[in-house]
């Protein structure tokens, strides 16, 4: 009798083992079903999330079938596995091994913040540095980025590009934070920034009929806004400076902006910066349409990508009696109505 019960027990035990193994293999053989309307979803692992929290989210969105089976698989196949914070892609039909391998490679996306006030070359460098930081094996081409951005504006399909007279998108690479695939090429990123400009600037100022308070066209306003961005540190100064530049332009008086000369000079190898601090008399004598200390009119292109505040300040500038301004040592601007007043301010604040 005891032998009979022993055999039955062994059979039951083996049956349970076979059942659990079958269940386990079924669970780990599950293929993700994350998005019926597309091929993949974006999935974020947040800072300080535990493995259980991530697995619970993966189960809820249809990436895995069983949390327990997945934990067993991780413990037996790669006990040192961790979910690194960041943004990932999860594709429909991925098996568990592929899913975890993709997590093991690290985030698919990287977050890149582009500040306002940067020219195309600087934007390219920021992107390269950020991408190489998270993905050392990927060689982002700064040369391609600069060439496309300076020479291929009309290959993109955005409405505002019809307002650009040349081929450069200088001034239109909208500053902000972007989630960029780590293997993104130059054209992809430029396209993202141009799209953000259209959504945040061009559509509001056309579709909603937000008119400017000056006689400049859209491109000219962005050009002035770019100069305002480089000439001002504090937002309170922007609408005043914009109005000074616009009135100078209307009157045929040179804008007198050192920032446009800095743009003309380009990257300075001695100072190791794009915006040279030490501007010489020889620099100010260069005969170029970007030299607004020497020539009247606007430069041929914007000189940087201005932010929303600089653009709004230009479209809706604040009328004032001043014709001159200078920046003191603390970055605050000092205004004057006459050239003599400007001379007095130079002696007082510089």
Protein backbone atom coordinates (compact mmCIF):
# COMPACT_ATOMS: atom_id res chain seq x y z
CA UNK A 1 0.00 0.00 0.00
CA UNK A 2 2.76 2.41 0.93
CA UNK A 3 4.55 1.63 -2.31
CA UNK A 4 1.37 2.36 -4.25
CA UNK A 5 0.98 5.75 -2.57
CA UNK A 6 4.64 6.49 -3.17
CA UNK A 7 4.26 5.86 -6.91
CA UNK A 8 1.10 7.96 -7.03
CA UNK A 9 2.90 10.75 -5.18
CA UNK A 10 5.81 10.63 -7.60
CA UNK A 11 3.44 10.71 -10.57
CA UNK A 12 1.52 13.65 -9.08
CA UNK A 13 4.77 15.46 -8.31
CA UNK A 14 6.09 14.89 -11.82
CA UNK A 15 2.75 16.02 -13.20
CA UNK A 16 2.96 19.23 -11.23
CA UNK A 17 6.54 19.76 -12.40
CA UNK A 18 5.55 19.15 -16.03
CA UNK A 19 2.55 21.45 -15.67
CA UNK A 20 4.61 24.24 -14.12
CA UNK A 21 7.34 23.82 -16.72
CA UNK A 22 4.79 23.92 -19.53
CA UNK A 23 3.23 26.99 -17.98
CA UNK A 24 6.65 28.58 -17.57
CA UNK A 25 7.72 27.90 -21.16
CA UNK A 26 4.38 29.23 -22.35
CA UNK A 27 4.85 32.39 -20.33
CA UNK A 28 8.40 33.05 -21.47
CA UNK A 29 7.48 32.14 -25.04
CA UNK A 30 4.83 34.85 -25.04
CA UNK A 31 5.32 37.49 -27.73
CA UNK A 32 4.58 41.10 -26.92
CA UNK A 33 1.29 42.58 -28.04
CA UNK A 34 1.75 46.23 -27.21
CA UNK A 35 0.06 48.24 -29.94
CA UNK A 36 -2.66 47.10 -32.31
CA UNK A 37 -2.37 50.30 -34.35
CA UNK A 38 1.38 50.32 -34.91
CA UNK A 39 4.58 48.34 -34.76
CA UNK A 40 5.96 49.57 -31.42
CA UNK A 41 5.38 51.69 -28.34
CA UNK A 42 7.71 53.93 -26.38
CA UNK A 43 8.32 52.70 -22.85
CA UNK A 44 9.98 54.69 -20.08
CA UNK A 45 11.93 53.28 -17.16
CA UNK A 46 11.89 55.98 -14.52
CA UNK A 47 14.68 56.86 -12.15
CA UNK A 48 14.73 54.66 -9.03
CA UNK A 49 12.03 52.27 -10.31
CA UNK A 50 12.36 48.77 -8.89
CA UNK A 51 12.44 45.65 -11.06
CA UNK A 52 8.98 44.68 -9.78
CA UNK A 53 7.57 48.08 -10.75
CA UNK A 54 9.01 47.86 -14.27
CA UNK A 55 7.79 44.29 -14.74
CA UNK A 56 4.33 45.26 -13.54
CA UNK A 57 4.20 48.04 -16.14
CA UNK A 58 5.39 45.62 -18.84
CA UNK A 59 2.63 43.16 -17.92
CA UNK A 60 -0.02 45.88 -18.00
CA UNK A 61 0.95 47.08 -21.48
CA UNK A 62 1.12 43.56 -22.94
CA UNK A 63 4.89 43.21 -23.19
CA UNK A 64 5.10 40.13 -20.94
CA UNK A 65 2.59 37.52 -19.77
CA UNK A 66 3.85 36.67 -16.28
CA UNK A 67 5.91 38.66 -13.80
CA UNK A 68 6.96 35.53 -11.91
CA UNK A 69 8.07 33.68 -15.05
CA UNK A 70 9.99 36.74 -16.23
CA UNK A 71 11.77 37.08 -12.88
CA UNK A 72 12.75 33.39 -12.97
CA UNK A 73 14.03 33.79 -16.52
CA UNK A 74 16.09 36.86 -15.54
CA UNK A 75 17.51 35.14 -12.42
CA UNK A 76 18.57 32.07 -14.37
CA UNK A 77 19.80 33.70 -17.58
CA UNK A 78 21.32 36.97 -16.37
CA UNK A 79 21.24 37.49 -12.60
CA UNK A 80 23.06 40.83 -12.93
CA UNK A 81 20.42 42.27 -15.28
CA UNK A 82 19.01 45.72 -14.41
CA UNK A 83 16.54 48.06 -16.06
CA UNK A 84 18.46 51.26 -16.78
CA UNK A 85 16.39 54.48 -16.68
CA UNK A 86 15.47 55.94 -20.05
CA UNK A 87 13.19 55.62 -23.06
CA UNK A 88 12.91 52.38 -25.01
CA UNK A 89 11.05 50.95 -27.97
CA UNK A 90 9.02 47.76 -27.50
CA UNK A 91 7.93 46.15 -30.74
CA UNK A 92 4.91 43.95 -31.37
CA UNK A 93 5.85 40.28 -31.52
CA UNK A 94 9.06 40.45 -29.47
CA UNK A 95 9.81 37.32 -27.43
CA UNK A 96 11.10 37.68 -23.90
CA UNK A 97 14.74 37.11 -24.82
CA UNK A 98 14.66 39.85 -27.47
CA UNK A 99 12.75 42.19 -25.18
CA UNK A 100 15.27 41.84 -22.35
CA UNK A 101 18.24 42.03 -24.73
CA UNK A 102 16.94 45.38 -25.96
CA UNK A 103 16.65 46.61 -22.38
CA UNK A 104 20.16 45.32 -21.73
CA UNK A 105 21.49 47.53 -24.55
CA UNK A 106 20.27 50.62 -22.72
CA UNK A 107 17.71 53.25 -23.70
CA UNK A 108 16.77 53.59 -27.36
CA UNK A 109 16.27 57.34 -26.94
CA UNK A 110 18.40 60.02 -25.39
CA UNK A 111 17.12 63.36 -24.15
CA UNK A 112 18.89 66.37 -25.66
CA UNK A 113 18.31 69.96 -24.58
CA UNK A 114 19.11 72.65 -27.13
CA UNK A 115 19.38 76.09 -25.46
CA UNK A 116 18.26 79.22 -27.27
CA UNK A 117 20.88 81.56 -28.69
CA UNK A 118 22.98 78.92 -30.48
CA UNK A 119 24.01 79.03 -34.13
CA UNK A 120 23.89 75.95 -36.35
CA UNK A 121 27.47 74.91 -35.61
CA UNK A 122 26.88 75.07 -31.87
CA UNK A 123 23.66 73.08 -32.12
CA UNK A 124 25.51 70.38 -34.07
CA UNK A 125 28.19 70.20 -31.37
CA UNK A 126 25.65 69.93 -28.54
CA UNK A 127 23.92 67.05 -30.30
CA UNK A 128 27.17 65.24 -31.04
CA UNK A 129 28.36 65.58 -27.45
CA UNK A 130 25.07 64.33 -26.01
CA UNK A 131 24.78 61.39 -28.40
CA UNK A 132 28.39 60.31 -27.91
CA UNK A 133 27.97 60.54 -24.14
CA UNK A 134 25.17 57.94 -24.15
CA UNK A 135 26.30 56.00 -27.21
CA UNK A 136 30.10 56.14 -27.61
CA UNK A 137 30.12 53.81 -30.61
CA UNK A 138 27.85 56.07 -32.66
CA UNK A 139 29.58 58.70 -34.77
CA UNK A 140 27.13 61.55 -35.29
CA UNK A 141 28.21 63.66 -38.27
CA UNK A 142 28.55 67.32 -37.34
CA UNK A 143 29.64 68.00 -40.93
CA UNK A 144 26.41 66.55 -42.34
CA UNK A 145 24.32 68.49 -39.84
CA UNK A 146 25.97 71.80 -40.66
CA UNK A 147 25.83 71.21 -44.42
CA UNK A 148 22.14 70.24 -44.48
CA UNK A 149 21.13 73.05 -42.12
CA UNK A 150 23.00 75.67 -44.14
CA UNK A 151 22.22 74.43 -47.66
CA UNK A 152 19.11 72.26 -47.79
CA UNK A 153 16.25 74.19 -46.16
CA UNK A 154 13.71 73.60 -48.90
CA UNK A 155 14.01 69.82 -48.83
CA UNK A 156 11.83 69.85 -45.71
CA UNK A 157 8.07 70.14 -46.03
CA UNK A 158 7.16 72.83 -43.53
CA UNK A 159 4.93 75.78 -44.35
CA UNK A 160 7.19 78.48 -42.94
CA UNK A 161 10.08 77.49 -45.20
CA UNK A 162 8.39 79.40 -48.01
CA UNK A 163 9.24 82.52 -45.96
CA UNK A 164 12.97 81.77 -46.08
CA UNK A 165 14.69 83.50 -49.02
CA UNK A 166 17.81 81.30 -49.02
CA UNK A 167 18.75 77.72 -48.24
CA UNK A 168 19.80 78.04 -44.60
CA UNK A 169 17.58 77.23 -41.62
CA UNK A 170 19.70 79.40 -39.32
CA UNK A 171 17.32 80.83 -36.73
CA UNK A 172 14.69 78.10 -37.14
CA UNK A 173 16.17 75.17 -35.20
CA UNK A 174 13.74 75.58 -32.35
CA UNK A 175 15.38 75.39 -28.90
CA UNK A 176 13.95 72.86 -26.47
CA UNK A 177 14.30 69.33 -25.12
CA UNK A 178 14.04 66.50 -27.63
CA UNK A 179 13.86 62.73 -27.27
CA UNK A 180 16.17 61.52 -30.01
CA UNK A 181 16.91 57.94 -31.09
CA UNK A 182 20.56 57.23 -30.36
CA UNK A 183 21.27 56.35 -33.98
CA UNK A 184 19.48 59.40 -35.41
CA UNK A 185 21.09 61.08 -38.40
CA UNK A 186 21.44 64.80 -39.00
CA UNK A 187 18.37 65.16 -41.20
CA UNK A 188 16.13 63.43 -38.65
CA UNK A 189 17.15 65.86 -35.89
CA UNK A 190 16.90 68.96 -38.09
CA UNK A 191 13.44 67.82 -39.11
CA UNK A 192 12.41 67.50 -35.44
CA UNK A 193 13.59 71.02 -34.65
CA UNK A 194 11.91 72.53 -37.71
CA UNK A 195 8.69 70.75 -36.82
CA UNK A 196 8.84 72.20 -33.31
CA UNK A 197 9.35 75.68 -34.78
CA UNK A 198 6.29 75.31 -36.99
CA UNK A 199 4.12 74.10 -34.08
CA UNK A 200 5.34 76.60 -31.49
CA UNK A 201 5.95 79.71 -33.59
CA UNK A 202 4.75 79.72 -37.17
CA UNK A 203 1.26 78.26 -36.72
CA UNK A 204 0.35 80.50 -33.74
CA UNK A 205 1.56 83.58 -35.62
CA UNK A 206 -0.37 82.74 -38.81
CA UNK A 207 -3.31 80.45 -38.11
CA UNK A 208 -4.35 82.49 -35.08
CA UNK A 209 -3.52 85.74 -36.87
CA UNK A 210 -1.13 87.10 -34.26
CA UNK A 211 0.13 90.14 -36.10
CA UNK A 212 3.28 92.04 -35.33
CA UNK A 213 3.43 95.68 -34.34
CA UNK A 214 6.07 96.46 -36.97
CA UNK A 215 6.39 96.47 -40.75
CA UNK A 216 8.87 93.60 -40.96
CA UNK A 217 7.96 90.32 -42.64
CA UNK A 218 8.12 87.02 -40.79
CA UNK A 219 11.71 86.21 -41.74
CA UNK A 220 12.91 89.70 -40.84
CA UNK A 221 11.24 89.45 -37.44
CA UNK A 222 13.02 86.17 -36.72
CA UNK A 223 16.29 87.79 -37.83
CA UNK A 224 15.79 90.69 -35.41
CA UNK A 225 14.73 88.26 -32.65
CA UNK A 226 17.99 86.35 -33.10
CA UNK A 227 19.99 89.54 -32.60
CA UNK A 228 17.87 90.46 -29.58
CA UNK A 229 18.59 87.04 -28.09
CA UNK A 230 22.35 87.52 -28.37
CA UNK A 231 22.33 91.14 -27.19
CA UNK A 232 20.22 90.70 -24.04
CA UNK A 233 20.68 88.70 -20.87
CA UNK A 234 17.46 89.65 -19.10
CA UNK A 235 13.96 89.16 -20.51
CA UNK A 236 12.83 92.62 -19.40
CA UNK A 237 15.29 94.18 -21.86
CA UNK A 238 14.20 92.19 -24.91
CA UNK A 239 11.10 94.17 -26.03
CA UNK A 240 12.99 97.48 -25.57
CA UNK A 241 16.03 96.35 -27.55
CA UNK A 242 13.83 94.86 -30.27
CA UNK A 243 12.09 98.19 -30.68
CA UNK A 244 15.41 100.05 -30.93
CA UNK A 245 16.66 97.71 -33.66
CA UNK A 246 13.39 97.92 -35.60
CA UNK A 247 13.35 101.73 -35.52
CA UNK A 248 16.99 101.85 -36.55
CA UNK A 249 16.24 99.53 -39.45
CA UNK A 250 13.24 101.66 -40.52
CA UNK A 251 15.36 104.82 -40.33
CA UNK A 252 18.22 103.34 -42.37
CA UNK A 253 20.61 103.60 -39.43
CA UNK A 254 23.09 100.74 -38.84
CA UNK A 255 21.83 98.45 -36.08
CA UNK A 256 25.24 98.62 -34.41
CA UNK A 257 25.15 95.06 -33.08
CA UNK A 258 28.38 93.43 -31.96
CA UNK A 259 26.55 90.08 -32.02
CA UNK A 260 26.25 90.14 -35.81
CA UNK A 261 29.98 90.80 -36.04
CA UNK A 262 30.62 87.88 -33.69
CA UNK A 263 28.53 85.69 -35.97
CA UNK A 264 30.54 86.88 -38.97
CA UNK A 265 33.84 86.02 -37.27
CA UNK A 266 32.79 82.43 -36.54
CA UNK A 267 34.59 80.06 -34.22
CA UNK A 268 37.64 81.62 -32.59
CA UNK A 269 40.44 79.11 -32.06
CA UNK A 270 42.27 81.35 -29.57
CA UNK A 271 39.29 81.89 -27.29
CA UNK A 272 37.85 78.45 -28.12
CA UNK A 273 34.36 79.86 -28.51
CA UNK A 274 31.88 80.68 -31.25
CA UNK A 275 31.12 84.20 -30.01
CA UNK A 276 34.42 86.01 -29.72
CA UNK A 277 34.69 88.29 -26.72
CA UNK A 278 37.55 90.46 -27.98
CA UNK A 279 36.32 92.33 -31.07
CA UNK A 280 39.02 94.48 -32.66
CA UNK A 281 38.89 97.60 -34.81
CA UNK A 282 39.94 95.42 -37.75
CA UNK A 283 36.95 93.17 -37.12
CA UNK A 284 34.60 96.14 -37.14
CA UNK A 285 36.06 97.28 -40.47
CA UNK A 286 35.17 94.03 -42.30
CA UNK A 287 32.86 94.89 -45.18
CA UNK A 288 30.11 92.33 -44.82
CA UNK A 289 26.32 92.53 -44.65
CA UNK A 290 26.69 90.81 -41.26
CA UNK A 291 28.68 93.80 -40.01
CA UNK A 292 25.82 95.91 -38.71
CA UNK A 293 28.25 98.29 -37.07
CA UNK A 294 29.35 99.34 -40.56
CA UNK A 295 26.33 98.70 -42.79
CA UNK A 296 22.66 99.56 -42.48
CA UNK A 297 19.98 96.90 -42.87
CA UNK A 298 19.51 93.44 -41.45
CA UNK A 299 22.07 90.65 -41.84
CA UNK A 300 21.24 88.14 -44.61
CA UNK A 301 20.12 85.48 -42.10
CA UNK A 302 19.33 85.19 -38.42
CA UNK A 303 22.47 84.74 -36.34
CA UNK A 304 21.13 82.13 -33.90
CA UNK A 305 17.97 80.30 -32.90
CA UNK A 306 16.03 82.69 -30.67
CA UNK A 307 13.68 81.41 -28.01
CA UNK A 308 9.97 82.12 -27.69
CA UNK A 309 10.46 85.18 -25.45
CA UNK A 310 12.86 86.87 -27.89
CA UNK A 311 10.47 86.18 -30.78
CA UNK A 312 7.44 87.48 -28.90
CA UNK A 313 9.41 90.54 -27.82
CA UNK A 314 10.21 91.31 -31.45
CA UNK A 315 6.72 90.80 -32.86
CA UNK A 316 5.30 92.88 -30.01
CA UNK A 317 8.12 95.22 -29.07
CA UNK A 318 7.79 98.00 -26.52
CA UNK A 319 7.91 101.57 -27.90
CA UNK A 320 10.52 103.71 -26.17
CA UNK A 321 12.49 106.92 -26.83
CA UNK A 322 15.94 105.29 -26.85
CA UNK A 323 18.24 104.84 -29.82
CA UNK A 324 21.27 103.43 -28.03
CA UNK A 325 22.07 100.87 -25.37
CA UNK A 326 25.08 99.12 -23.90
CA UNK A 327 25.59 96.21 -21.56
CA UNK A 328 27.21 96.86 -18.22
CA UNK A 329 29.47 94.43 -16.43
CA UNK A 330 26.54 92.69 -14.73
CA UNK A 331 24.66 92.18 -17.99
CA UNK A 332 22.06 94.87 -17.31
CA UNK A 333 21.50 97.28 -20.19
CA UNK A 334 21.85 101.04 -19.99
CA UNK A 335 19.87 103.12 -22.48
CA UNK A 336 20.28 106.58 -23.95
CA UNK A 337 18.39 108.79 -26.38
CA UNK A 338 21.41 110.51 -27.93
CA UNK A 339 24.90 109.51 -29.05
CA UNK A 340 26.31 111.77 -26.34
CA UNK A 341 24.26 109.88 -23.80
CA UNK A 342 25.78 106.65 -25.14
CA UNK A 343 29.27 108.11 -24.72
CA UNK A 344 28.43 109.10 -21.16
CA UNK A 345 27.17 105.56 -20.42
CA UNK A 346 30.34 104.04 -21.87
CA UNK A 347 32.44 106.20 -19.56
CA UNK A 348 30.22 105.38 -16.59
CA UNK A 349 29.55 101.66 -16.98
CA UNK A 350 32.46 100.23 -18.96
